[in-house]
Amino acid sequence: MSGHSKFSNIKHKKEKNDAAKGKIFTIIGREIAVAVKEGGPDPDNNSKLRDVIAKAKASNMPNDTIDRGIKKAAGDANSVNYEQNTYEGYGPAGTAIIVQTLTDNKNRTAANVRSAFTKGKGNIGTQGCVSFMFDEKGQILVSKEDCDMDADSLMMIALDAGAEDFNESEDGYEILTDPADFSQVRENLEKENITMAEASVSLIPQNYVSVTDEEDVKNLRRILDLLDEDDDVQNVYHNWEEDDE
């Protein structure tokens, strides 16, 4: 695969989010609520909930906060119902952007997402207009700072666990799986005591777009920053090849 550092992009995003734990915990709290409603409060019998708990721990969410979220979702039949929606559109220089939301007010969220695109000189497209440019994959990121073993050893463990692909970058390792195998691979790596910087089913761009015009870069950052600040936005995927910072 290409030498592009996907890890650096996500690491940069994670570091930025670390400065705003409230946003991250809000996102994960909603995912816990949805997972509990769909499959019950027992993670042993709910693989989706197990995955969200693993994501929460990777984001340093305290165990008691996780437990409270599960109990609240399990005990409150009248709790807020969150609706999942996906928006697709274009940023400056033809970049492709996909926005996944989880909201209790679809109209508010749609207006906010549209506003973010407009303020950054982008535009919302129709469903499916850019999703064909992405592949859905389980994606597990391991930081070299957190991993004592060498690349070959980790790669063998990942492939034995059922991973499809393994990539190394300057900062860490990327393990890709079929979405259906993601939970099992993640759990197998967890049993090997491998610390994961991030683990989720993600949309991976098939190709990356380089943006050179300064105004385009400024507008693209504006779109992504506005989306990042919106509590209703769960995930944002794009094919912009950001410069590592």
C-alpha atoms as a PDB file:
ATOM      1  CA  MET A   1       0.000   0.000   0.000  1.00  0.00           C
ATOM      2  CA  SER A   2       1.066   3.633  -0.265  1.00  0.00           C
ATOM      3  CA  GLY A   3       3.535   5.142   2.140  1.00  0.00           C
ATOM      4  CA  HIS A   4       1.047   7.832   3.122  1.00  0.00           C
ATOM      5  CA  SER A   5       0.896   8.143   6.879  1.00  0.00           C
ATOM      6  CA  LYS A   6      -2.729   7.512   7.767  1.00  0.00           C
ATOM      7  CA  PHE A   7      -1.565   7.055  11.341  1.00  0.00           C
ATOM      8  CA  SER A   8      -0.219  10.612  11.507  1.00  0.00           C
ATOM      9  CA  ASN A   9      -3.505  12.074  10.299  1.00  0.00           C
ATOM     10  CA  ILE A  10      -5.517  10.181  12.885  1.00  0.00           C
ATOM     11  CA  LYS A  11      -2.893  10.785  15.564  1.00  0.00           C
ATOM     12  CA  HIS A  12      -3.118  14.520  14.816  1.00  0.00           C
ATOM     13  CA  LYS A  13      -6.914  14.370  15.078  1.00  0.00           C
ATOM     14  CA  LYS A  14      -6.715  12.406  18.320  1.00  0.00           C
ATOM     15  CA  GLU A  15      -4.248  14.855  19.853  1.00  0.00           C
ATOM     16  CA  LYS A  16      -6.519  17.724  18.923  1.00  0.00           C
ATOM     17  CA  ASN A  17      -9.464  15.926  20.479  1.00  0.00           C
ATOM     18  CA  ASP A  18      -7.481  15.149  23.624  1.00  0.00           C
ATOM     19  CA  ALA A  19      -7.710  18.859  24.395  1.00  0.00           C
ATOM     20  CA  ALA A  20     -11.509  18.536  24.378  1.00  0.00           C
ATOM     21  CA  LYS A  21     -12.332  15.362  26.294  1.00  0.00           C
ATOM     22  CA  GLY A  22     -15.925  16.505  26.724  1.00  0.00           C
ATOM     23  CA  LYS A  23     -16.510  16.224  22.969  1.00  0.00           C
ATOM     24  CA  ILE A  24     -14.973  12.739  22.755  1.00  0.00           C
ATOM     25  CA  PHE A  25     -16.893  11.499  25.800  1.00  0.00           C
ATOM     26  CA  THR A  26     -20.159  12.909  24.402  1.00  0.00           C
ATOM     27  CA  ILE A  27     -19.601  11.018  21.151  1.00  0.00           C
ATOM     28  CA  ILE A  28     -18.765   7.747  22.887  1.00  0.00           C
ATOM     29  CA  GLY A  29     -21.604   8.191  25.389  1.00  0.00           C
ATOM     30  CA  ARG A  30     -24.091   8.332  22.514  1.00  0.00           C
ATOM     31  CA  GLU A  31     -22.515   5.258  20.923  1.00  0.00           C
ATOM     32  CA  ILE A  32     -22.835   3.382  24.241  1.00  0.00           C
ATOM     33  CA  ALA A  33     -26.525   4.366  24.462  1.00  0.00           C
ATOM     34  CA  VAL A  34     -27.214   3.119  20.924  1.00  0.00           C
ATOM     35  CA  ALA A  35     -25.258  -0.121  21.453  1.00  0.00           C
ATOM     36  CA  VAL A  36     -27.112  -0.884  24.709  1.00  0.00           C
ATOM     37  CA  LYS A  37     -30.515  -0.185  23.135  1.00  0.00           C
ATOM     38  CA  GLU A  38     -29.701  -2.433  20.181  1.00  0.00           C
ATOM     39  CA  GLY A  39     -28.058  -5.357  21.979  1.00  0.00           C
ATOM     40  CA  GLY A  40     -28.487  -5.023  25.741  1.00  0.00           C
ATOM     41  CA  PRO A  41     -26.175  -3.905  28.565  1.00  0.00           C
ATOM     42  CA  ASP A  42     -24.036  -7.065  28.849  1.00  0.00           C
ATOM     43  CA  PRO A  43     -20.851  -6.673  26.774  1.00  0.00           C
ATOM     44  CA  ASP A  44     -20.299 -10.454  26.866  1.00  0.00           C
ATOM     45  CA  ASN A  45     -23.424 -10.823  24.720  1.00  0.00           C
ATOM     46  CA  ASN A  46     -23.125  -7.566  22.759  1.00  0.00           C
ATOM     47  CA  SER A  47     -20.123  -7.313  20.426  1.00  0.00           C
ATOM     48  CA  LYS A  48     -21.019  -3.771  19.367  1.00  0.00           C
ATOM     49  CA  LEU A  49     -20.953  -2.648  22.996  1.00  0.00           C
ATOM     50  CA  ARG A  50     -17.600  -4.421  23.506  1.00  0.00           C
ATOM     51  CA  ASP A  51     -16.196  -2.459  20.554  1.00  0.00           C
ATOM     52  CA  VAL A  52     -17.491   0.861  21.918  1.00  0.00           C
ATOM     53  CA  ILE A  53     -16.023   0.083  25.359  1.00  0.00           C
ATOM     54  CA  ALA A  54     -12.650  -0.635  23.722  1.00  0.00           C
ATOM     55  CA  LYS A  55     -12.900   2.690  21.871  1.00  0.00           C
ATOM     56  CA  ALA A  56     -13.742   4.440  25.144  1.00  0.00           C
ATOM     57  CA  LYS A  57     -10.720   2.941  26.902  1.00  0.00           C
ATOM     58  CA  ALA A  58      -8.433   3.905  23.995  1.00  0.00           C
ATOM     59  CA  SER A  59      -9.684   7.486  24.511  1.00  0.00           C
ATOM     60  CA  ASN A  60      -8.885   7.275  28.258  1.00  0.00           C
ATOM     61  CA  MET A  61     -12.529   7.389  29.291  1.00  0.00           C
ATOM     62  CA  PRO A  62     -12.743   6.405  32.990  1.00  0.00           C
ATOM     63  CA  ASN A  63     -14.276   3.007  33.741  1.00  0.00           C
ATOM     64  CA  ASP A  64     -16.878   4.502  36.074  1.00  0.00           C
ATOM     65  CA  THR A  65     -17.996   6.882  33.311  1.00  0.00           C
ATOM     66  CA  ILE A  66     -18.382   3.929  30.944  1.00  0.00           C
ATOM     67  CA  ASP A  67     -20.323   1.944  33.561  1.00  0.00           C
ATOM     68  CA  ARG A  68     -22.608   4.892  34.307  1.00  0.00           C
ATOM     69  CA  GLY A  69     -23.350   5.305  30.600  1.00  0.00           C
ATOM     70  CA  ILE A  70     -24.282   1.629  30.254  1.00  0.00           C
ATOM     71  CA  LYS A  71     -26.485   1.642  33.361  1.00  0.00           C
ATOM     72  CA  LYS A  72     -28.211   4.853  32.315  1.00  0.00           C
ATOM     73  CA  ALA A  73     -28.975   3.498  28.839  1.00  0.00           C
ATOM     74  CA  ALA A  74     -30.169   0.156  30.252  1.00  0.00           C
ATOM     75  CA  GLY A  75     -32.353   1.645  32.987  1.00  0.00           C
ATOM     76  CA  ASP A  76     -34.037   4.509  31.183  1.00  0.00           C
ATOM     77  CA  ALA A  77     -36.664   3.283  28.720  1.00  0.00           C
ATOM     78  CA  ASN A  78     -37.521   6.897  27.934  1.00  0.00           C
ATOM     79  CA  SER A  79     -33.941   7.949  27.195  1.00  0.00           C
ATOM     80  CA  VAL A  80     -33.197   9.970  24.096  1.00  0.00           C
ATOM     81  CA  ASN A  81     -33.430   8.117  20.808  1.00  0.00           C
ATOM     82  CA  TYR A  82     -30.480   8.944  18.574  1.00  0.00           C
ATOM     83  CA  GLU A  83     -30.833   8.721  14.819  1.00  0.00           C
ATOM     84  CA  GLN A  84     -27.875   7.876  12.595  1.00  0.00           C
ATOM     85  CA  ASN A  85     -27.444   9.840   9.368  1.00  0.00           C
ATOM     86  CA  THR A  86     -24.699  10.132   6.768  1.00  0.00           C
ATOM     87  CA  TYR A  87     -23.935  13.169   4.611  1.00  0.00           C
ATOM     88  CA  GLU A  88     -21.647  13.202   1.588  1.00  0.00           C
ATOM     89  CA  GLY A  89     -20.148  16.168  -0.156  1.00  0.00           C
ATOM     90  CA  TYR A  90     -17.215  17.938  -1.699  1.00  0.00           C
ATOM     91  CA  GLY A  91     -14.661  20.268  -0.160  1.00  0.00           C
ATOM     92  CA  PRO A  92     -12.374  22.649  -2.056  1.00  0.00           C
ATOM     93  CA  ALA A  93     -10.205  21.193  -4.852  1.00  0.00           C
ATOM     94  CA  GLY A  94     -12.616  18.295  -5.347  1.00  0.00           C
ATOM     95  CA  THR A  95     -11.881  16.635  -2.023  1.00  0.00           C
ATOM     96  CA  ALA A  96     -14.427  14.048  -0.886  1.00  0.00           C
ATOM     97  CA  ILE A  97     -15.940  14.286   2.603  1.00  0.00           C
ATOM     98  CA  ILE A  98     -18.275  11.881   4.421  1.00  0.00           C
ATOM     99  CA  VAL A  99     -19.940  12.925   7.692  1.00  0.00           C
ATOM    100  CA  GLN A 100     -21.593  10.419  10.029  1.00  0.00           C
ATOM    101  CA  THR A 101     -23.913  11.852  12.669  1.00  0.00           C
ATOM    102  CA  LEU A 102     -25.858  10.601  15.681  1.00  0.00           C
ATOM    103  CA  THR A 103     -28.533  13.067  16.698  1.00  0.00           C
ATOM    104  CA  ASP A 104     -31.790  13.651  18.536  1.00  0.00           C
ATOM    105  CA  ASN A 105     -32.675  16.478  16.126  1.00  0.00           C
ATOM    106  CA  LYS A 106     -32.106  15.647  12.465  1.00  0.00           C
ATOM    107  CA  ASN A 107     -33.112  19.103  11.203  1.00  0.00           C
ATOM    108  CA  ARG A 108     -30.625  20.877  13.480  1.00  0.00           C
ATOM    109  CA  THR A 109     -27.832  18.528  12.482  1.00  0.00           C
ATOM    110  CA  ALA A 110     -28.546  18.753   8.748  1.00  0.00           C
ATOM    111  CA  ALA A 111     -28.494  22.559   8.956  1.00  0.00           C
ATOM    112  CA  ASN A 112     -25.208  22.571  10.886  1.00  0.00           C
ATOM    113  CA  VAL A 113     -23.504  20.147   8.480  1.00  0.00           C
ATOM    114  CA  ARG A 114     -24.691  22.141   5.462  1.00  0.00           C
ATOM    115  CA  SER A 115     -23.471  25.353   7.092  1.00  0.00           C
ATOM    116  CA  ALA A 116     -20.003  23.877   7.696  1.00  0.00           C
ATOM    117  CA  PHE A 117     -19.669  22.928   4.031  1.00  0.00           C
ATOM    118  CA  THR A 118     -20.955  26.324   2.864  1.00  0.00           C
ATOM    119  CA  LYS A 119     -18.599  28.329   5.126  1.00  0.00           C
ATOM    120  CA  GLY A 120     -15.647  26.359   3.749  1.00  0.00           C
ATOM    121  CA  LYS A 121     -16.670  26.815   0.102  1.00  0.00           C
ATOM    122  CA  GLY A 122     -17.771  23.195  -0.225  1.00  0.00           C
ATOM    123  CA  ASN A 123     -21.143  21.659  -0.977  1.00  0.00           C
ATOM    124  CA  ILE A 124     -23.306  18.749   0.132  1.00  0.00           C
ATOM    125  CA  GLY A 125     -23.932  16.176  -2.578  1.00  0.00           C
ATOM    126  CA  THR A 126     -26.422  13.379  -3.055  1.00  0.00           C
ATOM    127  CA  GLN A 127     -26.240  10.085  -1.201  1.00  0.00           C
ATOM    128  CA  GLY A 128     -23.534   7.947  -2.800  1.00  0.00           C
ATOM    129  CA  CYS A 129     -21.788  10.809  -4.594  1.00  0.00           C
ATOM    130  CA  VAL A 130     -18.427  10.154  -2.914  1.00  0.00           C
ATOM    131  CA  SER A 131     -18.822   6.971  -0.845  1.00  0.00           C
ATOM    132  CA  PHE A 132     -17.692   4.850  -3.800  1.00  0.00           C
ATOM    133  CA  MET A 133     -14.234   6.421  -3.327  1.00  0.00           C
ATOM    134  CA  PHE A 134     -13.900   4.810   0.125  1.00  0.00           C
ATOM    135  CA  ASP A 135     -13.633   1.231   1.385  1.00  0.00           C
ATOM    136  CA  GLU A 136     -15.227   0.201   4.664  1.00  0.00           C
ATOM    137  CA  LYS A 137     -12.590  -1.525   6.792  1.00  0.00           C
ATOM    138  CA  GLY A 138     -11.898  -2.331  10.386  1.00  0.00           C
ATOM    139  CA  GLN A 139      -8.932  -0.123  11.264  1.00  0.00           C
ATOM    140  CA  ILE A 140      -6.692  -0.634  14.290  1.00  0.00           C
ATOM    141  CA  LEU A 141      -3.839   1.779  15.003  1.00  0.00           C
ATOM    142  CA  VAL A 142      -0.910   0.926  17.248  1.00  0.00           C
ATOM    143  CA  SER A 143       1.578   3.623  18.243  1.00  0.00           C
ATOM    144  CA  LYS A 144       5.261   2.693  18.165  1.00  0.00           C
ATOM    145  CA  GLU A 145       5.534   4.481  21.514  1.00  0.00           C
ATOM    146  CA  ASP A 146       3.161   1.905  23.033  1.00  0.00           C
ATOM    147  CA  CYS A 147       4.546  -1.203  21.297  1.00  0.00           C
ATOM    148  CA  ASP A 148       7.772  -2.946  22.290  1.00  0.00           C
ATOM    149  CA  MET A 149       7.705  -5.620  19.584  1.00  0.00           C
ATOM    150  CA  ASP A 150       9.136  -5.196  16.098  1.00  0.00           C
ATOM    151  CA  ALA A 151       7.010  -4.749  12.976  1.00  0.00           C
ATOM    152  CA  ASP A 152       7.365  -8.354  11.772  1.00  0.00           C
ATOM    153  CA  SER A 153       6.251  -9.805  15.111  1.00  0.00           C
ATOM    154  CA  LEU A 154       3.224  -7.525  15.320  1.00  0.00           C
ATOM    155  CA  MET A 155       2.344  -8.231  11.698  1.00  0.00           C
ATOM    156  CA  MET A 156       2.366 -12.013  12.293  1.00  0.00           C
ATOM    157  CA  ILE A 157       0.150 -11.635  15.372  1.00  0.00           C
ATOM    158  CA  ALA A 158      -2.262  -9.399  13.407  1.00  0.00           C
ATOM    159  CA  LEU A 159      -2.461 -11.722  10.403  1.00  0.00           C
ATOM    160  CA  ASP A 160      -2.890 -14.771  12.662  1.00  0.00           C
ATOM    161  CA  ALA A 161      -5.705 -12.877  14.399  1.00  0.00           C
ATOM    162  CA  GLY A 162      -7.499 -12.558  11.036  1.00  0.00           C
ATOM    163  CA  ALA A 163      -6.318  -9.178   9.719  1.00  0.00           C
ATOM    164  CA  GLU A 164      -6.317  -8.499   5.962  1.00  0.00           C
ATOM    165  CA  ASP A 165      -3.472  -6.022   5.735  1.00  0.00           C
ATOM    166  CA  PHE A 166      -0.695  -4.438   7.780  1.00  0.00           C
ATOM    167  CA  ASN A 167       1.069  -1.110   7.163  1.00  0.00           C
ATOM    168  CA  GLU A 168       3.944   0.611   8.916  1.00  0.00           C
ATOM    169  CA  SER A 169       4.506   4.368   9.043  1.00  0.00           C
ATOM    170  CA  GLU A 170       6.983   6.544  10.892  1.00  0.00           C
ATOM    171  CA  ASP A 171       4.772   6.815  13.976  1.00  0.00           C
ATOM    172  CA  GLY A 172       2.987   3.502  14.149  1.00  0.00           C
ATOM    173  CA  TYR A 173       1.238   0.565  12.581  1.00  0.00           C
ATOM    174  CA  GLU A 174      -2.102   0.251  10.808  1.00  0.00           C
ATOM    175  CA  ILE A 175      -3.984  -3.060  10.870  1.00  0.00           C
ATOM    176  CA  LEU A 176      -6.897  -3.448   8.454  1.00  0.00           C
ATOM    177  CA  THR A 177      -9.661  -6.053   8.637  1.00  0.00           C
ATOM    178  CA  ASP A 178     -12.861  -6.986   6.889  1.00  0.00           C
ATOM    179  CA  PRO A 179     -15.649  -5.162   8.790  1.00  0.00           C
ATOM    180  CA  ALA A 180     -17.225  -8.505   9.716  1.00  0.00           C
ATOM    181  CA  ASP A 181     -13.946  -9.679  11.296  1.00  0.00           C
ATOM    182  CA  PHE A 182     -13.110  -6.444  13.114  1.00  0.00           C
ATOM    183  CA  SER A 183     -14.457  -7.354  16.571  1.00  0.00           C
ATOM    184  CA  GLN A 184     -12.730 -10.732  16.588  1.00  0.00           C
ATOM    185  CA  VAL A 185      -9.385  -9.311  15.425  1.00  0.00           C
ATOM    186  CA  ARG A 186      -9.551  -6.495  17.980  1.00  0.00           C
ATOM    187  CA  GLU A 187     -10.332  -8.947  20.782  1.00  0.00           C
ATOM    188  CA  ASN A 188      -7.494 -11.270  19.709  1.00  0.00           C
ATOM    189  CA  LEU A 189      -5.031  -8.351  19.798  1.00  0.00           C
ATOM    190  CA  GLU A 190      -6.403  -7.313  23.190  1.00  0.00           C
ATOM    191  CA  LYS A 191      -5.661 -10.828  24.513  1.00  0.00           C
ATOM    192  CA  GLU A 192      -2.064 -10.345  23.361  1.00  0.00           C
ATOM    193  CA  ASN A 193      -1.947  -7.170  25.523  1.00  0.00           C
ATOM    194  CA  ILE A 194      -1.395  -4.948  22.490  1.00  0.00           C
ATOM    195  CA  THR A 195      -2.223  -1.299  23.273  1.00  0.00           C
ATOM    196  CA  MET A 196      -4.369   0.261  20.552  1.00  0.00           C
ATOM    197  CA  ALA A 197      -4.342   4.003  19.910  1.00  0.00           C
ATOM    198  CA  GLU A 198      -7.599   3.701  18.000  1.00  0.00           C
ATOM    199  CA  ALA A 199      -9.833   0.846  16.887  1.00  0.00           C
ATOM    200  CA  SER A 200     -13.003   1.260  14.828  1.00  0.00           C
ATOM    201  CA  VAL A 201     -14.730   0.362  11.593  1.00  0.00           C
ATOM    202  CA  SER A 202     -13.716   3.242   9.323  1.00  0.00           C
ATOM    203  CA  LEU A 203     -14.008   4.469   5.755  1.00  0.00           C
ATOM    204  CA  ILE A 204     -10.577   4.350   4.103  1.00  0.00           C
ATOM    205  CA  PRO A 205      -9.989   6.489   0.992  1.00  0.00           C
ATOM    206  CA  GLN A 206      -8.918   4.512  -2.060  1.00  0.00           C
ATOM    207  CA  ASN A 207      -6.785   7.463  -3.157  1.00  0.00           C
ATOM    208  CA  TYR A 208      -5.679  10.692  -1.529  1.00  0.00           C
ATOM    209  CA  VAL A 209      -5.946  14.191  -2.994  1.00  0.00           C
ATOM    210  CA  SER A 210      -3.136  16.712  -2.539  1.00  0.00           C
ATOM    211  CA  VAL A 211      -4.350  20.292  -2.013  1.00  0.00           C
ATOM    212  CA  THR A 212      -1.737  22.962  -2.789  1.00  0.00           C
ATOM    213  CA  ASP A 213      -3.682  26.224  -2.975  1.00  0.00           C
ATOM    214  CA  GLU A 214      -3.454  28.068   0.363  1.00  0.00           C
ATOM    215  CA  GLU A 215      -7.026  29.353   0.166  1.00  0.00           C
ATOM    216  CA  ASP A 216      -8.333  25.842  -0.542  1.00  0.00           C
ATOM    217  CA  VAL A 217      -6.375  24.475   2.434  1.00  0.00           C
ATOM    218  CA  LYS A 218      -7.760  27.230   4.681  1.00  0.00           C
ATOM    219  CA  ASN A 219     -11.355  26.528   3.588  1.00  0.00           C
ATOM    220  CA  LEU A 220     -10.947  22.775   3.898  1.00  0.00           C
ATOM    221  CA  ARG A 221      -9.637  23.158   7.428  1.00  0.00           C
ATOM    222  CA  ARG A 222     -12.621  25.386   8.210  1.00  0.00           C
ATOM    223  CA  ILE A 223     -15.083  22.698   7.100  1.00  0.00           C
ATOM    224  CA  LEU A 224     -13.317  20.013   9.132  1.00  0.00           C
ATOM    225  CA  ASP A 225     -12.952  22.215  12.224  1.00  0.00           C
ATOM    226  CA  LEU A 226     -16.635  23.221  12.194  1.00  0.00           C
ATOM    227  CA  LEU A 227     -17.697  19.587  11.834  1.00  0.00           C
ATOM    228  CA  ASP A 228     -15.295  18.577  14.598  1.00  0.00           C
ATOM    229  CA  GLU A 229     -16.870  21.111  16.969  1.00  0.00           C
ATOM    230  CA  ASP A 230     -20.410  19.756  16.426  1.00  0.00           C
ATOM    231  CA  ASP A 231     -21.467  17.291  19.142  1.00  0.00           C
ATOM    232  CA  ASP A 232     -23.873  15.596  16.710  1.00  0.00           C
ATOM    233  CA  VAL A 233     -21.008  14.632  14.374  1.00  0.00           C
ATOM    234  CA  GLN A 234     -19.576  11.205  15.204  1.00  0.00           C
ATOM    235  CA  ASN A 235     -17.067  10.691  12.395  1.00  0.00           C
ATOM    236  CA  VAL A 236     -15.666  12.656   9.479  1.00  0.00           C
ATOM    237  CA  TYR A 237     -13.813  10.886   6.662  1.00  0.00           C
ATOM    238  CA  HIS A 238     -12.015  12.634   3.820  1.00  0.00           C
ATOM    239  CA  ASN A 239      -9.429  11.949   1.135  1.00  0.00           C
ATOM    240  CA  TRP A 240      -7.313  15.060   1.672  1.00  0.00           C
ATOM    241  CA  GLU A 241      -3.644  14.171   2.007  1.00  0.00           C
ATOM    242  CA  GLU A 242      -2.853  16.441   4.936  1.00  0.00           C
ATOM    243  CA  ASP A 243       0.722  17.462   5.531  1.00  0.00           C
ATOM    244  CA  ASP A 244       2.014  15.814   8.689  1.00  0.00           C
ATOM    245  CA  GLU A 245       2.401  18.417  11.379  1.00  0.00           C
END
